């Protein structure tokens, strides 16, 4: 059975998800989570959740932000504490954190690749598998056909796919808008949701939320994902309420299990959307509208240009309005039931291009005969009271954005039993001595000896049962008894051994206190790292990153490999397409490449041509996606460097490249934190330079089609526009239906 994984921004949300049929939840801790704004979990919360799970229920922990060398000890301490609870997977973006887990904790922490790694190709998934990941959360931008192709090519790694919730405009992990514009890094869990704000076109003065995406709802397409062998379905929403989590769980549980119950499925869908949903589409999964690159799109547009927020569901349409004394009354034609205290929304279209929301609670309701109602009772027409002074045209839709009874009762959290790690204990009883031995995941050999007044019993004793009963009660310790073996030093029987219970209880308290102390010490003390700098050949200093942007480009910072190959094969000057600095050709690779087979074939041919013309030693290929690591491994004679999208935020991340790529000749510092020291590589990491400007967004949403509403027919598959917002100017470029947005100087 395919797994249904729900977001848990809090313990309450997790409990509600499982109560409504979730197979798994994913959650974040207080630190190093990409959703800092969620309530998130303490370790005690995780322990209580773990004890509440049934055999087949699972939980995953997100550690999906980037960390610096300075923060890595904190990360390691957190991972050690997390290892106690053995989550079913740790979802990771940072390659350094992944290396730490793989080399030290893989027996208790399975590695799952975050969607923040922008994995969207076969080579990307294969690279992840070679790095020790057992599951990959694929980018949201893939179609079902593309996912099926990855599944076929990569049968031995688990794949997880987003199916519901918010869509980001830019590829997750490649978005720089929040960091560049307001200094809040999305790769650090601080996204300011720049994509949901308004911009103005400089050519028309028309405003819109041009980068605000529809919410994802793939509906029955989940069954196709099940058929092609996807392992897990992921719903977005760690910032959303327990009521939302419960409703969306019920919706997809019905879709997967009760396939013929269309009425129940539709009711569950509406309940979920009323609690929270923007305008909806099936995203790229089944709404994209084309299979081949040459096809014209016919599907729904993926942007919500006029209104970026919660719209719920359309519940009716205003047929007429009138003034009743001092009140504004509207006659509605209903699509579904409404009741007093439901939350309603009217969107007023404005000449600016951005709708003005009018939100109000339903305070009065009448039938067409003027009789007051508490609900619509399946009527087709009713009258409602509108907010004062609102001017609404007939034909205007009205939306339900909350129900009067949508709140759900809380599930008791305090009633949940705290988690205690079972540990096997060997108890050796000697002459006034008890010696305890145990082996744990953090210390394989623990031994403690205690004095005890052992006497001779006048009546037969259940000595083993007494020891078992006392040590099974571990109080507030994080550990408890697993199995117990008891033996006597002289191999005698226990029938006449008398152990003072008060002393035995004191020994138990001291034992568990000792175990907790050892565990705390293990979690807090960081072992020294081996310095790699001494054995490392210093890399060359890379040019300022602006110097290797392809000639003539403003917002595109990588080489168009196919275009450069065509130029090479037609005898054109390659230096019009690729930058040369100090007699070296710099070829930064594109971080997004949906036609990967064509990309790799073109890259191989281009490298062959350039090697003949300039020599392999004078080529420099920039790696901008985990998929590129695989190409670099397969071409060890071609010099490579870690470019700006392969974030080298800490020394462990660099270690991975150093160990795998003997052809690595340099790397750029982490562009979001250029002053961050790579402790073990501080002398050889290259700065990007002060004038370098990363794109804000790289998006598969075509700005021309999705945001401007232009037809795909006869489109040149490219275009350029300028936008403005609060005095800043932005360049929007569409190249082969990929949109790149940059801040203009």
Foldseek 3Di string as FASTA:
>chain_A
DAFEEEEALDLLLVVLLVVQPHQEYEFEDCFQALANVGPTDDLQSLQLSLLPDDDRHFYEYENEFEDFAVCVLVVLLVVLSVLLSLGPEYEYDYLLSLLVCVVAPCVRHAYEYEQLQADQALLQVVLCVVSRHQEYEHWQQDAQVSVLVSCVSCVRHAYEYEAWFFDFFFRRNQFCQQCVPPNADSSRNGRPPPLQDKWAFPVPRAIWSLRFFFIAHQQLCVVVVVVSPHRYYYYDDSRADSLLSNLVSNLVVCSVPVVPPVVSNVVSVLLNLLQFGDHYDNRNHPQQADDDLPDWRDGAFTHDIQHRTRFRAFFWFFADWDDDPQWIKTKTQGPDKAFFQFKKWFWCQDPSSHTDIDIDTFHWKAAPVRHTDGMPVPDRMIMTTGDGPDDDDGGTTMGTNGHPPSDDDTDDSVPRDGAAAAWEWEWEDEQQKIKIWTQDPLRGTDIDIDGFHKDFAPFFDPVVVLLVVLQQCQDPFSHGHDHYHYAYPVRDDRGGIDTPSVVSNVVSNVVSVVVSVSSSCSSNDDDDDDFPQVVDDFFDADPQQVQFQQPPDDAHRFFPLQVLLVCLVVVHDSSNGFGADPLATEGEHDADDSPVVVVVVSNVSNLVSVCVVRNQVRYEYEDQHSSVLVVQLVVQSHAYEHEANQAPNELSSVVVCVVRHPNYRAYAHHQSCNVRARPNNRVRHYYNDDPDWHWNRKRLNQSVCNSVVDTSPPDPQWDWTWIDDPHWIKIWIGHSSIITITTDD
